[in-house]
Amino acid sequence: MEEAKGLNRPVKLKSELAAFLGAKALPRTEITKKLWDYIKANKLQTKTENGKAENAGKYIVADAKLLPIFKNTKSKSKSGSVTDLTKLKEGETINMMQMAAVVGANVE
């Protein structure tokens, strides 16, 4: 069997994400899919920043289970913008565009 490469290569998960997903290693594509499945199943999307969850929109509401994962995120993108979610509180939102940073911050 050929070894998976790129996004399909399993990566080691940090403890909060591993506990949430019930796995120690997964490909990034699978991590993102499972996070989105959870977000959609729990209607954690909203159209407004820090708005109430309404199951649609580009913002993701941090619930008690997602918060520890989101709070691991402090990274700088190639363009130089900083994603710092370390002070995020339950009920606050992140932009869906920050999901890649969240996944990146929770894998080793």
Protein backbone atom coordinates (compact mmCIF):
# COMPACT_ATOMS: atom_id res chain seq x y z
CA MET A 1 0.00 0.00 0.00
CA GLU A 2 1.29 3.44 -0.92
CA GLU A 3 2.00 5.81 1.95
CA ALA A 4 -0.45 8.69 2.15
CA LYS A 5 1.04 12.08 1.45
CA GLY A 6 0.05 15.72 1.90
CA LEU A 7 -3.38 16.34 3.39
CA ASN A 8 -4.19 12.63 3.44
CA ARG A 9 -1.17 11.75 5.60
CA PRO A 10 -2.18 11.12 9.22
CA VAL A 11 -0.84 13.69 11.67
CA LYS A 12 -0.50 13.36 15.44
CA LEU A 13 -3.24 15.18 17.34
CA LYS A 14 -2.67 17.28 20.45
CA SER A 15 -4.47 16.02 23.55
CA GLU A 16 -7.58 18.28 23.39
CA LEU A 17 -8.29 17.43 19.76
CA ALA A 18 -7.45 13.75 20.28
CA ALA A 19 -9.95 13.58 23.17
CA PHE A 20 -12.61 15.38 21.11
CA LEU A 21 -12.19 13.16 18.03
CA GLY A 22 -11.38 9.95 19.88
CA ALA A 23 -8.23 9.35 17.83
CA LYS A 24 -4.51 9.95 18.27
CA ALA A 25 -3.73 10.53 14.58
CA LEU A 26 -5.85 11.45 11.55
CA PRO A 27 -5.31 13.09 8.17
CA ARG A 28 -6.03 16.86 8.14
CA THR A 29 -8.89 16.31 5.71
CA GLU A 30 -10.55 13.93 8.18
CA ILE A 31 -9.96 16.28 11.14
CA THR A 32 -11.61 19.15 9.28
CA LYS A 33 -14.52 16.96 8.16
CA LYS A 34 -15.16 15.67 11.69
CA LEU A 35 -15.03 19.19 13.16
CA TRP A 36 -17.53 20.41 10.55
CA ASP A 37 -19.79 17.40 11.16
CA TYR A 38 -19.86 18.34 14.85
CA ILE A 39 -20.44 22.05 14.12
CA LYS A 40 -23.34 21.26 11.77
CA ALA A 41 -24.88 18.57 14.00
CA ASN A 42 -24.90 21.03 16.91
CA LYS A 43 -26.01 24.02 14.80
CA LEU A 44 -22.98 26.06 15.83
CA GLN A 45 -22.89 28.43 12.87
CA THR A 46 -24.08 32.04 12.91
CA LYS A 47 -24.18 34.90 10.40
CA THR A 48 -22.94 37.51 12.86
CA GLU A 49 -19.79 37.74 14.93
CA ASN A 50 -20.52 36.48 18.47
CA GLY A 51 -24.15 35.98 17.39
CA LYS A 52 -26.50 33.24 18.52
CA ALA A 53 -26.07 29.86 16.85
CA GLU A 54 -28.49 29.60 13.91
CA ASN A 55 -27.08 26.74 11.82
CA ALA A 56 -25.91 28.96 8.93
CA GLY A 57 -23.28 31.59 8.35
CA LYS A 58 -19.53 32.07 8.29
CA TYR A 59 -18.97 32.25 12.05
CA ILE A 60 -18.58 29.23 14.32
CA VAL A 61 -19.78 29.44 17.90
CA ALA A 62 -17.34 27.98 20.42
CA ASP A 63 -19.21 25.61 22.71
CA ALA A 64 -17.72 23.89 25.77
CA LYS A 65 -16.30 21.03 23.64
CA LEU A 66 -14.76 23.16 20.88
CA LEU A 67 -13.40 25.89 23.16
CA PRO A 68 -10.30 23.97 24.44
CA ILE A 69 -9.38 23.13 20.83
CA PHE A 70 -9.90 26.69 19.57
CA LYS A 71 -7.92 28.11 22.51
CA ASN A 72 -4.78 26.22 21.41
CA THR A 73 -4.64 28.47 18.36
CA LYS A 74 -2.05 31.20 18.14
CA SER A 75 -0.42 31.30 14.75
CA LYS A 76 0.79 33.65 12.07
CA SER A 77 -0.18 33.09 8.45
CA LYS A 78 2.15 33.50 5.49
CA SER A 79 0.54 36.88 4.84
CA GLY A 80 1.44 37.92 8.38
CA SER A 81 -2.02 38.02 9.94
CA VAL A 82 -2.15 36.59 13.44
CA THR A 83 -4.86 34.18 14.58
CA ASP A 84 -4.91 34.32 18.38
CA LEU A 85 -7.84 32.48 19.97
CA THR A 86 -6.19 31.93 23.35
CA LYS A 87 -8.58 34.35 25.12
CA LEU A 88 -11.74 33.08 23.41
CA LYS A 89 -14.71 32.50 25.70
CA GLU A 90 -17.53 30.00 25.41
CA GLY A 91 -20.28 31.43 23.20
CA GLU A 92 -17.89 33.64 21.23
CA THR A 93 -17.25 32.96 17.56
CA ILE A 94 -14.41 32.39 15.15
CA ASN A 95 -14.52 33.03 11.42
CA MET A 96 -14.73 29.79 9.40
CA MET A 97 -11.59 30.96 7.56
CA GLN A 98 -9.71 30.42 10.85
CA MET A 99 -10.46 26.67 10.83
CA ALA A 100 -7.25 25.87 8.95
CA ALA A 101 -5.27 27.70 11.66
CA VAL A 102 -7.21 25.81 14.35
CA VAL A 103 -6.43 22.45 12.76
CA GLY A 104 -2.79 23.45 12.24
CA ALA A 105 -2.45 24.53 15.88
CA ASN A 106 -3.85 21.22 17.17
CA VAL A 107 -1.60 18.82 15.31
CA GLU A 108 2.08 18.05 15.83
